[in-house]
Amino acid sequence: MTRVERWEQRSEIPLLLLAIAFLVAYAWPILDPRLDHDVATVLLVLTWTVWGVFAVDLVIRLMLADQRLEYAARHWYDVVLVVVPMLRPLRLLRLLAFARILGRSASRNLAGRVTLYVIGSAIAAVGLGALAILDAERDAAGANITTFGDAVWWAATTVMTVGYGDRYPVTTEGRFVAVTLMIVGISVVGSVTAAVAAWFIGQVQRDTR
């Protein structure tokens, strides 16, 4: 195990807990716009503090990596999310580490693991996408996503690649969130298709032996 892998293993749980704290601090003001100003300020400071910790984590990982440029290229999404503060809400995708942790104790059966990952990814994408789109759209002129219910509905139809079109973003930030969710949705569908195909091929090979 390399130095960076040992660091990632030791820091995974603390960073996951920080991501949960970030989720609370980020979501609370969105879900409760009438939140007390002092509480909102504390939550804002918390979100930036967590962002700073993840930035330090990235720097440490780069310093420990044997091939730093290659490591940065392989983890380009971490670099972008740290370097570009306006994208910091996407840091919530760190919560997908839940799937990795749970996967260690999940069934070794491929179908079982895929089900776990797909359900976890879909729920995380819908929840985080709903928060991000509501934050971007609620106060925009001509917005049609103005409640959390609207946001969840829109995020669910986008991730599942249904796209009814009854709800849609009108802001640049909202459209960026939409593109991200579209990519996630396509990836989830593609992963399911590939896993199911591999499972069927394995079953056929076992039956023919």
C-alpha atoms as a PDB file:
ATOM      1  CA  MET A   1       0.000   0.000   0.000  1.00  0.00           C
ATOM      2  CA  THR A   2       1.410   3.404  -0.992  1.00  0.00           C
ATOM      3  CA  ARG A   3       1.693   6.405   1.325  1.00  0.00           C
ATOM      4  CA  VAL A   4      -1.208   8.199  -0.316  1.00  0.00           C
ATOM      5  CA  GLU A   5      -3.384   5.094  -0.072  1.00  0.00           C
ATOM      6  CA  ARG A   6      -2.615   4.812   3.654  1.00  0.00           C
ATOM      7  CA  TRP A   7      -3.534   8.482   4.118  1.00  0.00           C
ATOM      8  CA  GLU A   8      -6.786   8.044   2.180  1.00  0.00           C
ATOM      9  CA  GLN A   9      -7.672   5.024   4.289  1.00  0.00           C
ATOM     10  CA  ARG A  10      -7.024   6.855   7.583  1.00  0.00           C
ATOM     11  CA  SER A  11      -8.781  10.062   6.535  1.00  0.00           C
ATOM     12  CA  GLU A  12     -11.829   8.561   4.839  1.00  0.00           C
ATOM     13  CA  ILE A  13     -14.090   8.400   7.921  1.00  0.00           C
ATOM     14  CA  PRO A  14     -13.152  11.869   9.313  1.00  0.00           C
ATOM     15  CA  LEU A  15     -13.708  13.425   5.882  1.00  0.00           C
ATOM     16  CA  LEU A  16     -17.006  11.604   5.569  1.00  0.00           C
ATOM     17  CA  LEU A  17     -18.146  13.036   8.908  1.00  0.00           C
ATOM     18  CA  LEU A  18     -17.078  16.504   7.757  1.00  0.00           C
ATOM     19  CA  ALA A  19     -19.068  16.003   4.565  1.00  0.00           C
ATOM     20  CA  ILE A  20     -22.137  15.239   6.679  1.00  0.00           C
ATOM     21  CA  ALA A  21     -21.534  18.444   8.663  1.00  0.00           C
ATOM     22  CA  PHE A  22     -21.228  20.289   5.354  1.00  0.00           C
ATOM     23  CA  LEU A  23     -24.505  18.777   4.209  1.00  0.00           C
ATOM     24  CA  VAL A  24     -26.323  20.044   7.299  1.00  0.00           C
ATOM     25  CA  ALA A  25     -24.743  23.501   7.109  1.00  0.00           C
ATOM     26  CA  TYR A  26     -25.458  23.811   3.390  1.00  0.00           C
ATOM     27  CA  ALA A  27     -28.987  22.404   3.393  1.00  0.00           C
ATOM     28  CA  TRP A  28     -30.394  24.101   6.490  1.00  0.00           C
ATOM     29  CA  PRO A  29     -30.489  27.684   5.102  1.00  0.00           C
ATOM     30  CA  ILE A  30     -31.900  26.420   1.805  1.00  0.00           C
ATOM     31  CA  LEU A  31     -34.729  24.495   3.440  1.00  0.00           C
ATOM     32  CA  ASP A  32     -35.424  27.292   5.949  1.00  0.00           C
ATOM     33  CA  PRO A  33     -35.006  30.689   4.217  1.00  0.00           C
ATOM     34  CA  ARG A  34     -36.260  32.477   7.370  1.00  0.00           C
ATOM     35  CA  LEU A  35     -33.371  31.111   9.407  1.00  0.00           C
ATOM     36  CA  ASP A  36     -31.928  33.496  12.008  1.00  0.00           C
ATOM     37  CA  HIS A  37     -29.122  35.612  10.530  1.00  0.00           C
ATOM     38  CA  ASP A  38     -26.599  34.674  13.219  1.00  0.00           C
ATOM     39  CA  VAL A  39     -27.275  30.958  12.751  1.00  0.00           C
ATOM     40  CA  ALA A  40     -26.961  31.359   8.985  1.00  0.00           C
ATOM     41  CA  THR A  41     -23.600  33.095   9.440  1.00  0.00           C
ATOM     42  CA  VAL A  42     -22.302  30.273  11.636  1.00  0.00           C
ATOM     43  CA  LEU A  43     -23.411  27.708   9.059  1.00  0.00           C
ATOM     44  CA  LEU A  44     -21.706  29.670   6.275  1.00  0.00           C
ATOM     45  CA  VAL A  45     -18.462  29.751   8.244  1.00  0.00           C
ATOM     46  CA  LEU A  46     -18.791  25.994   8.802  1.00  0.00           C
ATOM     47  CA  THR A  47     -19.187  25.296   5.073  1.00  0.00           C
ATOM     48  CA  TRP A  48     -16.054  27.289   4.235  1.00  0.00           C
ATOM     49  CA  THR A  49     -14.142  25.617   7.066  1.00  0.00           C
ATOM     50  CA  VAL A  50     -15.004  22.171   5.745  1.00  0.00           C
ATOM     51  CA  TRP A  51     -14.037  23.307   2.242  1.00  0.00           C
ATOM     52  CA  GLY A  52     -10.684  24.409   3.667  1.00  0.00           C
ATOM     53  CA  VAL A  53     -10.132  21.018   5.298  1.00  0.00           C
ATOM     54  CA  PHE A  54     -10.785  19.249   2.003  1.00  0.00           C
ATOM     55  CA  ALA A  55      -8.338  21.624   0.315  1.00  0.00           C
ATOM     56  CA  VAL A  56      -5.678  20.685   2.879  1.00  0.00           C
ATOM     57  CA  ASP A  57      -6.505  17.011   2.332  1.00  0.00           C
ATOM     58  CA  LEU A  58      -5.931  17.399  -1.404  1.00  0.00           C
ATOM     59  CA  VAL A  59      -2.581  19.142  -0.838  1.00  0.00           C
ATOM     60  CA  ILE A  60      -1.449  16.350   1.512  1.00  0.00           C
ATOM     61  CA  ARG A  61      -2.467  13.658  -0.980  1.00  0.00           C
ATOM     62  CA  LEU A  62      -0.569  15.420  -3.757  1.00  0.00           C
ATOM     63  CA  MET A  63       2.533  15.686  -1.558  1.00  0.00           C
ATOM     64  CA  LEU A  64       2.365  11.986  -0.682  1.00  0.00           C
ATOM     65  CA  ALA A  65       1.778  10.827  -4.252  1.00  0.00           C
ATOM     66  CA  ASP A  66       4.833   9.504  -6.110  1.00  0.00           C
ATOM     67  CA  GLN A  67       3.625  10.910  -9.424  1.00  0.00           C
ATOM     68  CA  ARG A  68       1.883  14.131  -8.444  1.00  0.00           C
ATOM     69  CA  LEU A  69       0.795  15.288 -11.880  1.00  0.00           C
ATOM     70  CA  GLU A  70      -0.525  11.840 -12.733  1.00  0.00           C
ATOM     71  CA  TYR A  71      -2.379  11.675  -9.405  1.00  0.00           C
ATOM     72  CA  ALA A  72      -3.882  15.135  -9.962  1.00  0.00           C
ATOM     73  CA  ALA A  73      -4.976  14.120 -13.449  1.00  0.00           C
ATOM     74  CA  ARG A  74      -6.652  10.940 -12.126  1.00  0.00           C
ATOM     75  CA  HIS A  75      -8.398  12.966  -9.396  1.00  0.00           C
ATOM     76  CA  TRP A  76      -9.174  16.015 -11.534  1.00  0.00           C
ATOM     77  CA  TYR A  77     -12.647  16.326  -9.992  1.00  0.00           C
ATOM     78  CA  ASP A  78     -11.117  16.842  -6.531  1.00  0.00           C
ATOM     79  CA  VAL A  79      -8.811  19.499  -7.936  1.00  0.00           C
ATOM     80  CA  VAL A  80     -11.679  21.342  -9.621  1.00  0.00           C
ATOM     81  CA  LEU A  81     -13.923  21.195  -6.566  1.00  0.00           C
ATOM     82  CA  VAL A  82     -11.172  22.622  -4.358  1.00  0.00           C
ATOM     83  CA  VAL A  83      -9.735  25.192  -6.754  1.00  0.00           C
ATOM     84  CA  VAL A  84     -13.078  26.633  -7.892  1.00  0.00           C
ATOM     85  CA  PRO A  85     -14.959  27.758  -4.741  1.00  0.00           C
ATOM     86  CA  MET A  86     -18.210  28.413  -6.645  1.00  0.00           C
ATOM     87  CA  LEU A  87     -18.469  24.648  -7.150  1.00  0.00           C
ATOM     88  CA  ARG A  88     -18.059  23.834  -3.466  1.00  0.00           C
ATOM     89  CA  PRO A  89     -21.653  22.449  -3.100  1.00  0.00           C
ATOM     90  CA  LEU A  90     -20.552  19.538  -5.290  1.00  0.00           C
ATOM     91  CA  ARG A  91     -18.134  18.654  -2.485  1.00  0.00           C
ATOM     92  CA  LEU A  92     -21.186  16.894  -1.087  1.00  0.00           C
ATOM     93  CA  LEU A  93     -20.534  14.110  -3.553  1.00  0.00           C
ATOM     94  CA  ARG A  94     -17.965  12.987  -0.997  1.00  0.00           C
ATOM     95  CA  LEU A  95     -20.975  11.427   0.716  1.00  0.00           C
ATOM     96  CA  LEU A  96     -20.823   8.737  -1.943  1.00  0.00           C
ATOM     97  CA  ALA A  97     -18.034   7.305   0.196  1.00  0.00           C
ATOM     98  CA  PHE A  98     -20.955   5.810   2.131  1.00  0.00           C
ATOM     99  CA  ALA A  99     -21.368   3.363  -0.753  1.00  0.00           C
ATOM    100  CA  ARG A 100     -17.704   2.330  -0.582  1.00  0.00           C
ATOM    101  CA  ILE A 101     -17.860   1.788   3.174  1.00  0.00           C
ATOM    102  CA  LEU A 102     -21.087  -0.183   3.021  1.00  0.00           C
ATOM    103  CA  GLY A 103     -19.815  -2.134   0.031  1.00  0.00           C
ATOM    104  CA  ARG A 104     -17.074  -3.741   2.143  1.00  0.00           C
ATOM    105  CA  SER A 105     -19.680  -5.591   4.164  1.00  0.00           C
ATOM    106  CA  ALA A 106     -22.133  -6.106   1.332  1.00  0.00           C
ATOM    107  CA  SER A 107     -22.685  -9.340  -0.518  1.00  0.00           C
ATOM    108  CA  ARG A 108     -19.865 -10.438  -2.788  1.00  0.00           C
ATOM    109  CA  ASN A 109     -22.505 -11.099  -5.384  1.00  0.00           C
ATOM    110  CA  LEU A 110     -22.146  -8.639  -8.261  1.00  0.00           C
ATOM    111  CA  ALA A 111     -25.855  -7.942  -8.440  1.00  0.00           C
ATOM    112  CA  GLY A 112     -25.916  -7.150  -4.708  1.00  0.00           C
ATOM    113  CA  ARG A 113     -23.045  -4.674  -4.969  1.00  0.00           C
ATOM    114  CA  VAL A 114     -24.483  -2.996  -8.035  1.00  0.00           C
ATOM    115  CA  THR A 115     -27.865  -2.615  -6.353  1.00  0.00           C
ATOM    116  CA  LEU A 116     -26.184  -1.003  -3.331  1.00  0.00           C
ATOM    117  CA  TYR A 117     -24.114   1.412  -5.378  1.00  0.00           C
ATOM    118  CA  VAL A 118     -26.917   2.345  -7.744  1.00  0.00           C
ATOM    119  CA  ILE A 119     -29.431   3.003  -4.980  1.00  0.00           C
ATOM    120  CA  GLY A 120     -26.897   4.986  -2.971  1.00  0.00           C
ATOM    121  CA  SER A 121     -25.757   7.017  -5.981  1.00  0.00           C
ATOM    122  CA  ALA A 122     -29.306   7.736  -7.136  1.00  0.00           C
ATOM    123  CA  ILE A 123     -30.500   8.856  -3.695  1.00  0.00           C
ATOM    124  CA  ALA A 124     -27.415  11.027  -3.157  1.00  0.00           C
ATOM    125  CA  ALA A 125     -27.681  12.587  -6.623  1.00  0.00           C
ATOM    126  CA  VAL A 126     -31.386  13.379  -6.254  1.00  0.00           C
ATOM    127  CA  GLY A 127     -31.003  14.839  -2.762  1.00  0.00           C
ATOM    128  CA  LEU A 128     -27.923  16.914  -3.482  1.00  0.00           C
ATOM    129  CA  GLY A 129     -29.197  17.962  -6.890  1.00  0.00           C
ATOM    130  CA  ALA A 130     -32.477  19.113  -5.369  1.00  0.00           C
ATOM    131  CA  LEU A 131     -30.663  21.255  -2.802  1.00  0.00           C
ATOM    132  CA  ALA A 132     -28.314  22.747  -5.385  1.00  0.00           C
ATOM    133  CA  ILE A 133     -31.065  23.540  -7.900  1.00  0.00           C
ATOM    134  CA  LEU A 134     -33.331  25.080  -5.258  1.00  0.00           C
ATOM    135  CA  ASP A 135     -30.457  27.234  -4.024  1.00  0.00           C
ATOM    136  CA  ALA A 136     -29.806  28.439  -7.577  1.00  0.00           C
ATOM    137  CA  GLU A 137     -33.369  28.842  -8.825  1.00  0.00           C
ATOM    138  CA  ARG A 138     -35.686  29.845  -5.978  1.00  0.00           C
ATOM    139  CA  ASP A 139     -35.204  33.621  -6.203  1.00  0.00           C
ATOM    140  CA  ALA A 140     -34.536  33.844  -9.943  1.00  0.00           C
ATOM    141  CA  ALA A 141     -36.893  35.750 -12.242  1.00  0.00           C
ATOM    142  CA  GLY A 142     -39.200  33.369 -14.103  1.00  0.00           C
ATOM    143  CA  ALA A 143     -38.135  30.371 -12.021  1.00  0.00           C
ATOM    144  CA  ASN A 144     -40.475  27.372 -11.906  1.00  0.00           C
ATOM    145  CA  ILE A 145     -38.493  25.429  -9.296  1.00  0.00           C
ATOM    146  CA  THR A 146     -39.350  27.337  -6.138  1.00  0.00           C
ATOM    147  CA  THR A 147     -40.061  24.684  -3.494  1.00  0.00           C
ATOM    148  CA  PHE A 148     -38.133  21.678  -2.238  1.00  0.00           C
ATOM    149  CA  GLY A 149     -40.848  19.404  -3.607  1.00  0.00           C
ATOM    150  CA  ASP A 150     -40.403  20.909  -7.076  1.00  0.00           C
ATOM    151  CA  ALA A 151     -36.635  20.480  -6.747  1.00  0.00           C
ATOM    152  CA  VAL A 152     -36.838  16.817  -5.719  1.00  0.00           C
ATOM    153  CA  TRP A 153     -39.262  16.052  -8.560  1.00  0.00           C
ATOM    154  CA  TRP A 154     -37.018  17.766 -11.094  1.00  0.00           C
ATOM    155  CA  ALA A 155     -33.876  16.058  -9.776  1.00  0.00           C
ATOM    156  CA  ALA A 156     -35.522  12.622  -9.795  1.00  0.00           C
ATOM    157  CA  THR A 157     -36.776  12.922 -13.384  1.00  0.00           C
ATOM    158  CA  THR A 158     -33.380  14.243 -14.495  1.00  0.00           C
ATOM    159  CA  VAL A 159     -31.294  11.533 -12.821  1.00  0.00           C
ATOM    160  CA  MET A 160     -33.619   8.817 -14.110  1.00  0.00           C
ATOM    161  CA  THR A 161     -33.311  10.339 -17.621  1.00  0.00           C
ATOM    162  CA  VAL A 162     -37.093  10.778 -17.905  1.00  0.00           C
ATOM    163  CA  GLY A 163     -37.071  14.550 -18.397  1.00  0.00           C
ATOM    164  CA  TYR A 164     -40.765  15.480 -18.527  1.00  0.00           C
ATOM    165  CA  GLY A 165     -39.894  19.148 -18.994  1.00  0.00           C
ATOM    166  CA  ASP A 166     -42.532  20.446 -16.578  1.00  0.00           C
ATOM    167  CA  ARG A 167     -39.741  21.799 -14.351  1.00  0.00           C
ATOM    168  CA  TYR A 168     -36.497  23.216 -15.715  1.00  0.00           C
ATOM    169  CA  PRO A 169     -33.723  25.595 -14.599  1.00  0.00           C
ATOM    170  CA  VAL A 170     -33.559  29.152 -15.911  1.00  0.00           C
ATOM    171  CA  THR A 171     -30.245  30.274 -14.381  1.00  0.00           C
ATOM    172  CA  THR A 172     -26.714  29.481 -15.542  1.00  0.00           C
ATOM    173  CA  GLU A 173     -25.848  27.866 -12.214  1.00  0.00           C
ATOM    174  CA  GLY A 174     -29.032  25.811 -12.340  1.00  0.00           C
ATOM    175  CA  ARG A 175     -28.245  24.594 -15.833  1.00  0.00           C
ATOM    176  CA  PHE A 176     -24.773  23.578 -14.702  1.00  0.00           C
ATOM    177  CA  VAL A 177     -26.382  21.476 -11.965  1.00  0.00           C
ATOM    178  CA  ALA A 178     -28.704  19.991 -14.596  1.00  0.00           C
ATOM    179  CA  VAL A 179     -25.820  18.967 -16.863  1.00  0.00           C
ATOM    180  CA  THR A 180     -24.069  17.327 -13.907  1.00  0.00           C
ATOM    181  CA  LEU A 181     -27.187  15.350 -13.003  1.00  0.00           C
ATOM    182  CA  MET A 182     -27.676  14.289 -16.609  1.00  0.00           C
ATOM    183  CA  ILE A 183     -24.143  12.881 -16.678  1.00  0.00           C
ATOM    184  CA  VAL A 184     -24.753  11.099 -13.366  1.00  0.00           C
ATOM    185  CA  GLY A 185     -28.018   9.650 -14.679  1.00  0.00           C
ATOM    186  CA  ILE A 186     -26.442   8.335 -17.861  1.00  0.00           C
ATOM    187  CA  SER A 187     -23.570   6.875 -15.847  1.00  0.00           C
ATOM    188  CA  VAL A 188     -25.948   5.077 -13.475  1.00  0.00           C
ATOM    189  CA  VAL A 189     -27.979   3.612 -16.328  1.00  0.00           C
ATOM    190  CA  GLY A 190     -24.798   2.548 -18.133  1.00  0.00           C
ATOM    191  CA  SER A 191     -23.393   0.926 -14.988  1.00  0.00           C
ATOM    192  CA  VAL A 192     -26.583  -1.033 -14.409  1.00  0.00           C
ATOM    193  CA  THR A 193     -26.689  -2.234 -18.014  1.00  0.00           C
ATOM    194  CA  ALA A 194     -23.035  -3.328 -17.972  1.00  0.00           C
ATOM    195  CA  ALA A 195     -23.349  -5.086 -14.610  1.00  0.00           C
ATOM    196  CA  VAL A 196     -26.495  -6.957 -15.573  1.00  0.00           C
ATOM    197  CA  ALA A 197     -24.917  -8.041 -18.862  1.00  0.00           C
ATOM    198  CA  ALA A 198     -21.805  -9.260 -17.022  1.00  0.00           C
ATOM    199  CA  TRP A 199     -23.965 -11.159 -14.540  1.00  0.00           C
ATOM    200  CA  PHE A 200     -25.908 -12.892 -17.326  1.00  0.00           C
ATOM    201  CA  ILE A 201     -22.683 -13.821 -19.129  1.00  0.00           C
ATOM    202  CA  GLY A 202     -21.302 -15.281 -15.909  1.00  0.00           C
ATOM    203  CA  GLN A 203     -24.478 -17.300 -15.364  1.00  0.00           C
ATOM    204  CA  VAL A 204     -24.369 -18.657 -18.913  1.00  0.00           C
ATOM    205  CA  GLN A 205     -20.699 -19.614 -18.557  1.00  0.00           C
ATOM    206  CA  ARG A 206     -21.384 -21.449 -15.297  1.00  0.00           C
ATOM    207  CA  ASP A 207     -24.374 -23.287 -16.838  1.00  0.00           C
ATOM    208  CA  THR A 208     -22.331 -24.464 -19.815  1.00  0.00           C
ATOM    209  CA  ARG A 209     -19.558 -25.966 -17.685  1.00  0.00           C
END
